[in-house]
């Protein structure tokens, strides 16, 4: 697990995007930090646990360019 100290204005979505390049892993971050589940927008200086996830790189090229 990584540790992350929030900045004012952070959200689970924005933290997911910063770590993994996509918002789709925000639920995994929430599950690792259930004591903060009710927070939508974080204040600064809150320590969160960020799970290690093997991010699958999706091929975004159309089939004719692969």
C-alpha atoms as a PDB file:
ATOM      1  CA  UNK A   1       0.000   0.000   0.000  1.00  0.00           C
ATOM      2  CA  UNK A   2       1.085   3.510  -0.765  1.00  0.00           C
ATOM      3  CA  UNK A   3       0.355   6.380   1.597  1.00  0.00           C
ATOM      4  CA  UNK A   4      -1.026   9.664   0.312  1.00  0.00           C
ATOM      5  CA  UNK A   5      -1.504  12.960   2.146  1.00  0.00           C
ATOM      6  CA  UNK A   6      -4.479  14.844   0.723  1.00  0.00           C
ATOM      7  CA  UNK A   7      -4.508  18.394  -0.536  1.00  0.00           C
ATOM      8  CA  UNK A   8      -7.566  20.584   0.008  1.00  0.00           C
ATOM      9  CA  UNK A   9     -10.061  19.839  -2.750  1.00  0.00           C
ATOM     10  CA  UNK A  10      -8.958  16.252  -3.437  1.00  0.00           C
ATOM     11  CA  UNK A  11     -11.675  13.689  -4.160  1.00  0.00           C
ATOM     12  CA  UNK A  12     -11.485   9.923  -4.419  1.00  0.00           C
ATOM     13  CA  UNK A  13     -11.908  10.319  -8.194  1.00  0.00           C
ATOM     14  CA  UNK A  14      -9.079  12.819  -8.535  1.00  0.00           C
ATOM     15  CA  UNK A  15      -6.743  10.721  -6.371  1.00  0.00           C
ATOM     16  CA  UNK A  16      -7.525   7.662  -8.495  1.00  0.00           C
ATOM     17  CA  UNK A  17      -6.754   9.643 -11.647  1.00  0.00           C
ATOM     18  CA  UNK A  18      -3.456  10.902 -10.193  1.00  0.00           C
ATOM     19  CA  UNK A  19      -2.277   7.412  -9.195  1.00  0.00           C
ATOM     20  CA  UNK A  20      -3.723   5.216 -11.939  1.00  0.00           C
ATOM     21  CA  UNK A  21      -4.511   7.563 -14.848  1.00  0.00           C
ATOM     22  CA  UNK A  22      -8.243   6.850 -14.586  1.00  0.00           C
ATOM     23  CA  UNK A  23     -11.072   7.501 -12.158  1.00  0.00           C
ATOM     24  CA  UNK A  24     -12.353   3.921 -12.358  1.00  0.00           C
ATOM     25  CA  UNK A  25     -10.292   2.739  -9.360  1.00  0.00           C
ATOM     26  CA  UNK A  26     -11.817   5.230  -6.904  1.00  0.00           C
ATOM     27  CA  UNK A  27     -13.953   2.481  -5.333  1.00  0.00           C
ATOM     28  CA  UNK A  28     -10.780   0.520  -4.474  1.00  0.00           C
ATOM     29  CA  UNK A  29      -9.366   3.597  -2.741  1.00  0.00           C
ATOM     30  CA  UNK A  30     -12.637   4.059  -0.850  1.00  0.00           C
ATOM     31  CA  UNK A  31     -12.561   0.408   0.274  1.00  0.00           C
ATOM     32  CA  UNK A  32      -9.024   0.892   1.595  1.00  0.00           C
ATOM     33  CA  UNK A  33     -10.160   3.973   3.557  1.00  0.00           C
ATOM     34  CA  UNK A  34     -13.639   3.153   4.867  1.00  0.00           C
ATOM     35  CA  UNK A  35     -13.269   5.575   7.778  1.00  0.00           C
ATOM     36  CA  UNK A  36     -13.438   8.418   5.207  1.00  0.00           C
ATOM     37  CA  UNK A  37     -16.330   7.030   3.146  1.00  0.00           C
ATOM     38  CA  UNK A  38     -18.583  10.012   3.966  1.00  0.00           C
ATOM     39  CA  UNK A  39     -16.098  12.604   2.686  1.00  0.00           C
ATOM     40  CA  UNK A  40     -16.735  13.926  -0.804  1.00  0.00           C
ATOM     41  CA  UNK A  41     -14.103  16.685  -0.911  1.00  0.00           C
ATOM     42  CA  UNK A  42     -11.078  16.317   1.343  1.00  0.00           C
ATOM     43  CA  UNK A  43      -9.371  18.892   3.493  1.00  0.00           C
ATOM     44  CA  UNK A  44      -5.586  18.913   3.437  1.00  0.00           C
ATOM     45  CA  UNK A  45      -3.304  16.691   5.528  1.00  0.00           C
ATOM     46  CA  UNK A  46      -5.462  13.538   5.699  1.00  0.00           C
ATOM     47  CA  UNK A  47      -3.448  10.358   5.274  1.00  0.00           C
ATOM     48  CA  UNK A  48      -4.998   7.783   2.955  1.00  0.00           C
ATOM     49  CA  UNK A  49      -3.911   4.294   1.999  1.00  0.00           C
ATOM     50  CA  UNK A  50      -3.665   3.767  -1.755  1.00  0.00           C
ATOM     51  CA  UNK A  51      -3.815   0.108  -2.822  1.00  0.00           C
ATOM     52  CA  UNK A  52      -1.364  -1.256  -5.346  1.00  0.00           C
ATOM     53  CA  UNK A  53      -3.320  -2.164  -8.464  1.00  0.00           C
ATOM     54  CA  UNK A  54      -2.004  -3.689 -11.651  1.00  0.00           C
ATOM     55  CA  UNK A  55      -3.464  -1.185 -14.089  1.00  0.00           C
ATOM     56  CA  UNK A  56      -4.300  -2.769 -17.397  1.00  0.00           C
ATOM     57  CA  UNK A  57      -3.303  -0.476 -20.235  1.00  0.00           C
ATOM     58  CA  UNK A  58      -6.143  -0.362 -22.695  1.00  0.00           C
ATOM     59  CA  UNK A  59      -5.482  -0.092 -26.380  1.00  0.00           C
ATOM     60  CA  UNK A  60      -7.342   3.017 -27.466  1.00  0.00           C
ATOM     61  CA  UNK A  61      -6.443   2.731 -31.137  1.00  0.00           C
ATOM     62  CA  UNK A  62      -9.187   1.733 -33.542  1.00  0.00           C
ATOM     63  CA  UNK A  63      -8.899  -1.824 -34.929  1.00  0.00           C
ATOM     64  CA  UNK A  64      -7.560  -0.687 -38.317  1.00  0.00           C
ATOM     65  CA  UNK A  65      -4.553   1.029 -36.639  1.00  0.00           C
ATOM     66  CA  UNK A  66      -3.476  -1.804 -34.328  1.00  0.00           C
END
